[in-house]
Amino acid sequence: MPWILLKKSIDRRFFYVVEAEHNMPLVTSEMYDSRQGALDGIKALRRVTRRATLLDVTA
């Protein structure tokens, strides 16, 4: 089961990490000045990825 971890950096800015099973990081967010900003980023990530379609541009 993937997790979204809300964290605080050494300089007290907030960010989140999406982790897969076995604590493997999949995504690390940008830094946010506020906790609410990071929570809003998580909310947007959840909303967008539910509707995301794979676009394979490797060919």
N, C-alpha and C. Protein backbone atom coordinates (compact mmCIF):
# COMPACT_ATOMS: atom_id res chain seq x y z
N MET A 1 0.84 -1.17 0.00
CA MET A 1 0.00 0.00 0.00
C MET A 1 0.89 1.24 0.00
N PRO A 2 0.65 2.18 -0.89
CA PRO A 2 1.45 3.42 -0.91
C PRO A 2 1.05 4.34 0.25
N TRP A 3 2.00 5.15 0.65
CA TRP A 3 1.80 6.13 1.71
C TRP A 3 2.17 7.51 1.19
N ILE A 4 1.52 8.52 1.74
CA ILE A 4 1.94 9.90 1.52
C ILE A 4 2.39 10.42 2.87
N LEU A 5 3.67 10.72 2.98
CA LEU A 5 4.24 11.17 4.24
C LEU A 5 4.43 12.68 4.20
N LEU A 6 3.87 13.37 5.17
CA LEU A 6 4.07 14.81 5.31
C LEU A 6 5.27 14.99 6.23
N LYS A 7 6.26 15.76 5.76
CA LYS A 7 7.50 15.92 6.50
C LYS A 7 7.86 17.39 6.63
N LYS A 8 8.80 17.66 7.57
CA LYS A 8 9.30 19.01 7.75
C LYS A 8 10.82 18.96 7.56
N SER A 9 11.34 19.89 6.76
CA SER A 9 12.77 19.93 6.48
C SER A 9 13.53 20.61 7.63
N ILE A 10 14.82 20.57 7.55
CA ILE A 10 15.68 21.19 8.56
C ILE A 10 15.37 22.69 8.69
N ASP A 11 15.07 23.33 7.56
CA ASP A 11 14.76 24.77 7.60
C ASP A 11 13.28 25.05 7.85
N ARG A 12 12.57 24.05 8.37
CA ARG A 12 11.17 24.16 8.81
C ARG A 12 10.17 24.37 7.69
N ARG A 13 10.53 24.00 6.49
CA ARG A 13 9.59 24.03 5.38
C ARG A 13 8.96 22.64 5.27
N PHE A 14 7.80 22.57 4.65
CA PHE A 14 7.05 21.32 4.57
C PHE A 14 7.16 20.72 3.18
N PHE A 15 7.11 19.40 3.11
CA PHE A 15 7.09 18.68 1.85
C PHE A 15 6.47 17.31 2.09
N TYR A 16 6.14 16.63 1.01
CA TYR A 16 5.60 15.28 1.16
C TYR A 16 6.34 14.32 0.25
N VAL A 17 6.29 13.06 0.64
CA VAL A 17 6.92 11.99 -0.11
C VAL A 17 5.87 10.90 -0.31
N VAL A 18 5.70 10.46 -1.55
CA VAL A 18 4.83 9.33 -1.84
C VAL A 18 5.73 8.10 -1.86
N GLU A 19 5.41 7.14 -1.00
CA GLU A 19 6.23 5.94 -0.91
C GLU A 19 5.42 4.71 -1.28
N ALA A 20 6.08 3.79 -1.96
CA ALA A 20 5.48 2.50 -2.30
C ALA A 20 5.77 1.53 -1.14
N GLU A 21 5.43 0.30 -1.36
CA GLU A 21 5.74 -0.72 -0.36
C GLU A 21 7.24 -0.76 -0.13
N HIS A 22 7.64 -1.18 1.02
CA HIS A 22 9.05 -1.30 1.41
C HIS A 22 9.74 0.06 1.46
N ASN A 23 8.95 1.12 1.71
CA ASN A 23 9.49 2.48 1.89
C ASN A 23 10.30 2.99 0.70
N MET A 24 9.96 2.58 -0.49
CA MET A 24 10.63 3.07 -1.69
C MET A 24 9.97 4.36 -2.14
N PRO A 25 10.70 5.49 -2.17
CA PRO A 25 10.09 6.76 -2.58
C PRO A 25 9.77 6.78 -4.07
N LEU A 26 8.57 7.23 -4.38
CA LEU A 26 8.13 7.36 -5.77
C LEU A 26 8.15 8.82 -6.21
N VAL A 27 7.71 9.71 -5.32
CA VAL A 27 7.60 11.13 -5.63
C VAL A 27 7.99 11.94 -4.40
N THR A 28 8.77 12.97 -4.60
CA THR A 28 9.05 13.95 -3.54
C THR A 28 8.57 15.31 -4.04
N SER A 29 7.80 15.97 -3.22
CA SER A 29 7.20 17.24 -3.64
C SER A 29 8.21 18.38 -3.58
N GLU A 30 7.77 19.53 -4.04
CA GLU A 30 8.50 20.77 -3.84
C GLU A 30 8.38 21.15 -2.36
N MET A 31 9.11 22.15 -1.94
CA MET A 31 9.03 22.67 -0.57
C MET A 31 7.89 23.69 -0.47
N TYR A 32 7.20 23.65 0.65
CA TYR A 32 6.10 24.57 0.92
C TYR A 32 6.42 25.36 2.17
N ASP A 33 6.07 26.62 2.20
CA ASP A 33 6.32 27.46 3.36
C ASP A 33 5.37 27.17 4.52
N SER A 34 4.22 26.58 4.21
CA SER A 34 3.24 26.29 5.26
C SER A 34 2.78 24.83 5.18
N ARG A 35 2.33 24.35 6.32
CA ARG A 35 1.78 23.00 6.37
C ARG A 35 0.54 22.90 5.47
N GLN A 36 -0.29 23.94 5.52
CA GLN A 36 -1.51 23.94 4.70
C GLN A 36 -1.17 23.91 3.21
N GLY A 37 -0.12 24.59 2.80
CA GLY A 37 0.31 24.54 1.41
C GLY A 37 0.66 23.12 0.98
N ALA A 38 1.37 22.39 1.84
CA ALA A 38 1.72 21.01 1.54
C ALA A 38 0.47 20.13 1.49
N LEU A 39 -0.45 20.34 2.42
CA LEU A 39 -1.70 19.57 2.42
C LEU A 39 -2.52 19.86 1.16
N ASP A 40 -2.52 21.11 0.71
CA ASP A 40 -3.21 21.46 -0.54
C ASP A 40 -2.55 20.76 -1.73
N GLY A 41 -1.21 20.65 -1.71
CA GLY A 41 -0.49 19.93 -2.76
C GLY A 41 -0.86 18.46 -2.79
N ILE A 42 -0.99 17.86 -1.62
CA ILE A 42 -1.40 16.45 -1.52
C ILE A 42 -2.81 16.28 -2.06
N LYS A 43 -3.69 17.19 -1.70
CA LYS A 43 -5.07 17.15 -2.18
C LYS A 43 -5.12 17.23 -3.71
N ALA A 44 -4.33 18.12 -4.28
CA ALA A 44 -4.27 18.26 -5.75
C ALA A 44 -3.69 17.00 -6.39
N LEU A 45 -2.65 16.44 -5.79
CA LEU A 45 -2.06 15.21 -6.31
C LEU A 45 -3.09 14.08 -6.35
N ARG A 46 -3.83 13.93 -5.28
CA ARG A 46 -4.87 12.88 -5.23
C ARG A 46 -5.93 13.10 -6.30
N ARG A 47 -6.35 14.35 -6.47
CA ARG A 47 -7.40 14.66 -7.45
C ARG A 47 -6.92 14.39 -8.88
N VAL A 48 -5.71 14.82 -9.20
CA VAL A 48 -5.19 14.70 -10.56
C VAL A 48 -4.84 13.26 -10.92
N THR A 49 -4.22 12.54 -10.00
CA THR A 49 -3.79 11.17 -10.34
C THR A 49 -4.95 10.21 -10.50
N ARG A 50 -6.06 10.50 -9.88
CA ARG A 50 -7.23 9.65 -10.08
C ARG A 50 -7.70 9.67 -11.53
N ARG A 51 -7.49 10.80 -12.20
CA ARG A 51 -7.94 10.96 -13.58
C ARG A 51 -6.81 10.84 -14.59
N ALA A 52 -5.60 10.58 -14.13
CA ALA A 52 -4.44 10.57 -15.01
C ALA A 52 -4.48 9.40 -16.01
N THR A 53 -4.06 9.68 -17.21
CA THR A 53 -3.97 8.68 -18.26
C THR A 53 -2.48 8.57 -18.67
N LEU A 54 -2.04 7.36 -18.87
CA LEU A 54 -0.66 7.15 -19.30
C LEU A 54 -0.50 7.60 -20.74
N LEU A 55 0.47 8.42 -20.98
CA LEU A 55 0.80 8.86 -22.33
C LEU A 55 2.24 8.41 -22.60
N ASP A 56 2.41 7.37 -23.39
CA ASP A 56 3.71 6.81 -23.68
C ASP A 56 4.34 7.56 -24.84
N VAL A 57 5.37 8.32 -24.56
CA VAL A 57 6.04 9.11 -25.61
C VAL A 57 7.43 8.58 -25.89
N THR A 58 7.64 7.29 -25.61
CA THR A 58 8.96 6.70 -25.82
C THR A 58 9.19 6.24 -27.24
N ALA A 59 8.14 6.14 -28.02
CA ALA A 59 8.29 5.64 -29.39
C ALA A 59 8.66 6.74 -30.37
